[in-house]
């Protein structure tokens, strides 16, 4: 018998369907981001593509009636000089020099 987590994985599995993938050093295939349960980490190679991806997440959450907590989100720019205001569900997303994802601390250096 499937567990509840199996059903949730089927439910959230298409969250990256409208998100552009990027090249990741050391990996042969392009990746849109990371997904573990309801924790999403979006990868982007430009600010325009990032806002497009955030809009896609907003549309996905509206379609599936799933709440998104923009206050738990952050943008961390790596190898980029400019930081542009990004929004998720019309809420500004804060910028950060480091971010913890699933217990792993990443930094922009």
Protein backbone atom coordinates (compact mmCIF):
# COMPACT_ATOMS: atom_id res chain seq x y z
CA UNK A 1 0.00 0.00 0.00
CA UNK A 2 1.43 3.43 -0.93
CA UNK A 3 2.36 5.79 1.87
CA UNK A 4 1.02 9.34 2.09
CA UNK A 5 4.47 10.65 1.12
CA UNK A 6 4.26 8.65 -2.14
CA UNK A 7 1.01 10.42 -3.02
CA UNK A 8 2.52 13.80 -2.15
CA UNK A 9 5.49 13.07 -4.44
CA UNK A 10 3.08 12.38 -7.31
CA UNK A 11 1.26 15.61 -6.48
CA UNK A 12 4.34 17.84 -6.49
CA UNK A 13 6.32 15.97 -9.16
CA UNK A 14 5.43 18.40 -11.98
CA UNK A 15 6.41 21.59 -10.13
CA UNK A 16 9.46 22.03 -12.39
CA UNK A 17 7.57 21.41 -15.66
CA UNK A 18 7.59 25.11 -16.68
CA UNK A 19 10.98 26.02 -15.22
CA UNK A 20 14.03 26.46 -17.45
CA UNK A 21 16.91 24.11 -16.71
CA UNK A 22 20.50 25.27 -16.37
CA UNK A 23 23.87 23.62 -16.86
CA UNK A 24 25.44 22.45 -13.60
CA UNK A 25 29.21 21.85 -13.52
CA UNK A 26 30.01 18.16 -13.11
CA UNK A 27 26.55 16.98 -14.24
CA UNK A 28 25.87 16.02 -17.85
CA UNK A 29 22.17 16.91 -17.89
CA UNK A 30 20.62 20.33 -17.27
CA UNK A 31 18.69 20.82 -14.00
CA UNK A 32 15.86 23.22 -13.06
CA UNK A 33 16.61 22.93 -9.36
CA UNK A 34 16.34 20.63 -6.38
CA UNK A 35 13.19 19.18 -4.85
CA UNK A 36 12.76 17.31 -1.59
CA UNK A 37 9.19 16.92 -0.33
CA UNK A 38 7.88 20.51 -0.31
CA UNK A 39 11.32 22.17 -0.24
CA UNK A 40 12.18 23.66 -3.63
CA UNK A 41 15.54 25.13 -4.67
CA UNK A 42 15.45 26.87 -8.07
CA UNK A 43 18.56 27.26 -10.21
CA UNK A 44 18.77 30.05 -12.78
CA UNK A 45 21.41 31.55 -15.03
CA UNK A 46 19.80 35.00 -15.29
CA UNK A 47 17.53 37.32 -13.33
CA UNK A 48 14.96 37.21 -16.14
CA UNK A 49 14.84 33.41 -16.08
CA UNK A 50 14.63 33.41 -12.29
CA UNK A 51 11.58 35.70 -12.26
CA UNK A 52 10.01 33.54 -14.99
CA UNK A 53 10.62 30.47 -12.81
CA UNK A 54 9.15 32.20 -9.75
CA UNK A 55 6.08 33.11 -11.80
CA UNK A 56 5.81 29.46 -12.88
CA UNK A 57 5.94 28.34 -9.23
CA UNK A 58 3.19 30.87 -8.44
CA UNK A 59 1.02 29.57 -11.28
CA UNK A 60 1.64 25.97 -10.22
CA UNK A 61 0.70 26.74 -6.60
CA UNK A 62 -2.47 28.53 -7.75
CA UNK A 63 -3.47 25.59 -9.96
CA UNK A 64 -2.94 23.07 -7.16
CA UNK A 65 -4.23 25.39 -4.41
CA UNK A 66 -1.00 25.05 -2.48
CA UNK A 67 0.29 27.85 -0.28
CA UNK A 68 3.75 29.31 -0.85
CA UNK A 69 5.46 31.06 2.03
CA UNK A 70 7.53 33.84 0.44
CA UNK A 71 8.92 34.81 3.86
CA UNK A 72 10.81 31.48 3.95
CA UNK A 73 12.36 32.15 0.55
CA UNK A 74 15.61 33.90 -0.32
CA UNK A 75 17.64 34.72 -3.41
CA UNK A 76 21.35 34.10 -3.34
CA UNK A 77 23.30 35.46 -6.29
CA UNK A 78 26.51 33.63 -7.19
CA UNK A 79 28.99 35.09 -9.68
CA UNK A 80 26.63 37.99 -10.28
CA UNK A 81 27.11 41.65 -9.46
CA UNK A 82 23.53 42.84 -9.68
CA UNK A 83 20.61 41.96 -7.49
CA UNK A 84 17.20 42.74 -8.86
CA UNK A 85 14.02 42.74 -6.82
CA UNK A 86 12.24 39.41 -7.31
CA UNK A 87 8.70 38.55 -6.31
CA UNK A 88 6.81 35.37 -5.54
CA UNK A 89 3.04 35.63 -5.40
CA UNK A 90 3.43 39.45 -5.38
CA UNK A 91 5.70 39.33 -2.29
CA UNK A 92 9.27 40.61 -2.46
CA UNK A 93 11.88 37.93 -1.82
CA UNK A 94 14.80 38.87 0.38
CA UNK A 95 18.39 38.48 -0.78
CA UNK A 96 20.92 36.52 1.24
CA UNK A 97 24.68 35.89 1.28
CA UNK A 98 24.08 32.40 2.66
CA UNK A 99 21.14 30.03 2.71
CA UNK A 100 20.42 26.74 4.44
CA UNK A 101 18.73 24.06 2.32
CA UNK A 102 17.97 20.75 4.03
CA UNK A 103 20.62 21.46 6.65
CA UNK A 104 23.34 22.30 4.12
CA UNK A 105 24.63 25.85 4.43
CA UNK A 106 25.49 27.44 1.09
CA UNK A 107 27.11 30.82 0.56
CA UNK A 108 27.53 33.18 -2.35
CA UNK A 109 31.35 33.22 -2.23
